[in-house]
Amino acid sequence: MPHALRNMAVTLMDRKGVAVMPARALTAGSFQGSNNGVSWTTLASFTGRNPNHESHYTTRHALGNATAYKYLRFVPDPGTYTTALGTGVADLRVEGEIASW
């Protein structure tokens, strides 16, 4: 990211119609932060996403990190979808407070 962010929130949006192919439905994962791209800290994990309908399924995940991070890594849990098909995540949006310019 261009700036280190704290108090991040991540919005995940699935592909439209992911319910038609539930093997692509991501239900669990985690978010990790780093300031050097080498050492990573787990900021939050999630389970229980249930994209079981036709419209774009959207979930928002507040990471609440007091420490600012320049890099954010999204780690989908490969046990929750069929990896040969890829996940149903179509969009990932990050918001947060800029810690420094």
C-alpha atoms as a PDB file:
ATOM      1  CA  MET A   1       0.000   0.000   0.000  1.00  0.00           C
ATOM      2  CA  PRO A   2       1.314   3.526  -0.501  1.00  0.00           C
ATOM      3  CA  HIS A   3       1.026   4.312   3.242  1.00  0.00           C
ATOM      4  CA  ALA A   4       1.136   2.341   6.473  1.00  0.00           C
ATOM      5  CA  LEU A   5      -2.406   1.887   7.836  1.00  0.00           C
ATOM      6  CA  ARG A   6      -3.805   1.193  11.288  1.00  0.00           C
ATOM      7  CA  ASN A   7      -7.369   0.286  12.274  1.00  0.00           C
ATOM      8  CA  MET A   8      -7.830  -1.434   8.935  1.00  0.00           C
ATOM      9  CA  ALA A   9     -11.074  -2.911   7.704  1.00  0.00           C
ATOM     10  CA  VAL A  10     -11.217  -5.327   4.778  1.00  0.00           C
ATOM     11  CA  THR A  11     -14.306  -5.951   2.661  1.00  0.00           C
ATOM     12  CA  LEU A  12     -14.495  -9.223   0.707  1.00  0.00           C
ATOM     13  CA  MET A  13     -16.985  -9.548  -2.128  1.00  0.00           C
ATOM     14  CA  ASP A  14     -17.660 -12.882  -3.803  1.00  0.00           C
ATOM     15  CA  ARG A  15     -18.383 -13.421  -7.462  1.00  0.00           C
ATOM     16  CA  LYS A  16     -22.002 -13.124  -8.447  1.00  0.00           C
ATOM     17  CA  GLY A  17     -23.696 -16.501  -8.327  1.00  0.00           C
ATOM     18  CA  VAL A  18     -21.067 -18.197  -6.160  1.00  0.00           C
ATOM     19  CA  ALA A  19     -23.935 -20.208  -4.676  1.00  0.00           C
ATOM     20  CA  VAL A  20     -24.282 -22.008  -8.012  1.00  0.00           C
ATOM     21  CA  MET A  21     -20.731 -23.320  -7.556  1.00  0.00           C
ATOM     22  CA  PRO A  22     -20.358 -23.718  -3.762  1.00  0.00           C
ATOM     23  CA  ALA A  23     -16.940 -25.364  -4.186  1.00  0.00           C
ATOM     24  CA  ARG A  24     -15.620 -21.824  -4.779  1.00  0.00           C
ATOM     25  CA  ALA A  25     -17.252 -20.368  -1.671  1.00  0.00           C
ATOM     26  CA  LEU A  26     -14.554 -19.144   0.706  1.00  0.00           C
ATOM     27  CA  THR A  27     -15.730 -19.564   4.293  1.00  0.00           C
ATOM     28  CA  ALA A  28     -12.524 -18.993   6.329  1.00  0.00           C
ATOM     29  CA  GLY A  29      -9.162 -17.250   6.196  1.00  0.00           C
ATOM     30  CA  SER A  30      -6.938 -14.663   7.827  1.00  0.00           C
ATOM     31  CA  PHE A  31      -5.273 -11.291   7.302  1.00  0.00           C
ATOM     32  CA  GLN A  32      -1.617 -10.588   8.050  1.00  0.00           C
ATOM     33  CA  GLY A  33       0.332  -7.336   8.279  1.00  0.00           C
ATOM     34  CA  SER A  34       4.007  -6.532   7.661  1.00  0.00           C
ATOM     35  CA  ASN A  35       6.264  -3.526   7.360  1.00  0.00           C
ATOM     36  CA  ASN A  36       9.065  -5.262   5.466  1.00  0.00           C
ATOM     37  CA  GLY A  37       7.262  -7.905   3.390  1.00  0.00           C
ATOM     38  CA  VAL A  38       9.222 -10.679   5.145  1.00  0.00           C
ATOM     39  CA  SER A  39       7.984 -10.877   8.751  1.00  0.00           C
ATOM     40  CA  TRP A  40       4.203 -11.236   9.045  1.00  0.00           C
ATOM     41  CA  THR A  41       1.830 -10.795  11.993  1.00  0.00           C
ATOM     42  CA  THR A  42      -1.656 -12.312  11.972  1.00  0.00           C
ATOM     43  CA  LEU A  43      -4.099  -9.454  12.547  1.00  0.00           C
ATOM     44  CA  ALA A  44      -7.399 -11.340  12.364  1.00  0.00           C
ATOM     45  CA  SER A  45      -8.898 -14.651  11.334  1.00  0.00           C
ATOM     46  CA  PHE A  46     -12.428 -15.416  10.262  1.00  0.00           C
ATOM     47  CA  THR A  47     -14.697 -18.425   9.840  1.00  0.00           C
ATOM     48  CA  GLY A  48     -18.341 -18.890   9.050  1.00  0.00           C
ATOM     49  CA  ARG A  49     -18.722 -16.885   5.834  1.00  0.00           C
ATOM     50  CA  ASN A  50     -21.777 -18.361   4.132  1.00  0.00           C
ATOM     51  CA  PRO A  51     -22.153 -17.130   0.556  1.00  0.00           C
ATOM     52  CA  ASN A  52     -25.224 -19.202  -0.193  1.00  0.00           C
ATOM     53  CA  HIS A  53     -27.239 -16.894  -2.416  1.00  0.00           C
ATOM     54  CA  GLU A  54     -27.155 -15.578  -5.979  1.00  0.00           C
ATOM     55  CA  SER A  55     -26.150 -11.955  -5.366  1.00  0.00           C
ATOM     56  CA  HIS A  56     -22.650 -10.730  -4.584  1.00  0.00           C
ATOM     57  CA  TYR A  57     -21.961 -11.848  -1.026  1.00  0.00           C
ATOM     58  CA  THR A  58     -20.052  -9.215   0.954  1.00  0.00           C
ATOM     59  CA  THR A  59     -18.456  -9.375   4.389  1.00  0.00           C
ATOM     60  CA  ARG A  60     -16.541  -6.671   6.253  1.00  0.00           C
ATOM     61  CA  HIS A  61     -13.706  -7.596   8.605  1.00  0.00           C
ATOM     62  CA  ALA A  62     -12.469  -5.004  11.123  1.00  0.00           C
ATOM     63  CA  LEU A  63      -8.826  -5.807  11.897  1.00  0.00           C
ATOM     64  CA  GLY A  64      -8.484  -3.262  14.716  1.00  0.00           C
ATOM     65  CA  ASN A  65      -4.691  -3.102  14.399  1.00  0.00           C
ATOM     66  CA  ALA A  66      -3.177  -0.393  16.613  1.00  0.00           C
ATOM     67  CA  THR A  67       0.180  -0.924  14.897  1.00  0.00           C
ATOM     68  CA  ALA A  68       0.324   0.484  11.373  1.00  0.00           C
ATOM     69  CA  TYR A  69       1.335  -1.849   8.542  1.00  0.00           C
ATOM     70  CA  LYS A  70       2.448  -1.038   5.005  1.00  0.00           C
ATOM     71  CA  TYR A  71       1.713  -4.512   3.641  1.00  0.00           C
ATOM     72  CA  LEU A  72      -1.447  -6.543   4.052  1.00  0.00           C
ATOM     73  CA  ARG A  73      -1.711 -10.197   3.083  1.00  0.00           C
ATOM     74  CA  PHE A  74      -4.999 -12.053   2.639  1.00  0.00           C
ATOM     75  CA  VAL A  75      -4.666 -15.782   3.351  1.00  0.00           C
ATOM     76  CA  PRO A  76      -7.705 -17.837   2.276  1.00  0.00           C
ATOM     77  CA  ASP A  77      -8.053 -21.146   4.127  1.00  0.00           C
ATOM     78  CA  PRO A  78      -7.522 -23.712   1.341  1.00  0.00           C
ATOM     79  CA  GLY A  79      -9.567 -26.290   3.249  1.00  0.00           C
ATOM     80  CA  THR A  80     -12.751 -24.265   2.756  1.00  0.00           C
ATOM     81  CA  TYR A  81     -12.973 -24.268  -1.053  1.00  0.00           C
ATOM     82  CA  THR A  82     -11.866 -26.484  -3.927  1.00  0.00           C
ATOM     83  CA  THR A  83      -8.397 -25.131  -4.699  1.00  0.00           C
ATOM     84  CA  ALA A  84      -8.434 -26.378  -8.307  1.00  0.00           C
ATOM     85  CA  LEU A  85     -11.313 -23.975  -8.996  1.00  0.00           C
ATOM     86  CA  GLY A  86     -10.018 -20.977  -7.056  1.00  0.00           C
ATOM     87  CA  THR A  87     -12.049 -18.938  -4.598  1.00  0.00           C
ATOM     88  CA  GLY A  88     -15.213 -17.024  -5.270  1.00  0.00           C
ATOM     89  CA  VAL A  89     -13.642 -13.766  -4.027  1.00  0.00           C
ATOM     90  CA  ALA A  90     -13.966 -11.176  -6.776  1.00  0.00           C
ATOM     91  CA  ASP A  91     -13.038  -7.999  -4.909  1.00  0.00           C
ATOM     92  CA  LEU A  92     -11.035  -7.064  -1.816  1.00  0.00           C
ATOM     93  CA  ARG A  93     -11.141  -3.499  -0.455  1.00  0.00           C
ATOM     94  CA  VAL A  94      -8.917  -2.089   2.294  1.00  0.00           C
ATOM     95  CA  GLU A  95      -9.660   0.954   4.425  1.00  0.00           C
ATOM     96  CA  GLY A  96      -7.695   2.385   7.339  1.00  0.00           C
ATOM     97  CA  GLU A  97      -6.111   5.392   9.004  1.00  0.00           C
ATOM     98  CA  ILE A  98      -2.898   6.659   7.419  1.00  0.00           C
ATOM     99  CA  ALA A  99      -0.188   6.485  10.080  1.00  0.00           C
ATOM    100  CA  SER A 100       2.451   8.523   8.225  1.00  0.00           C
ATOM    101  CA  TRP A 101       2.998  10.326   4.945  1.00  0.00           C
END
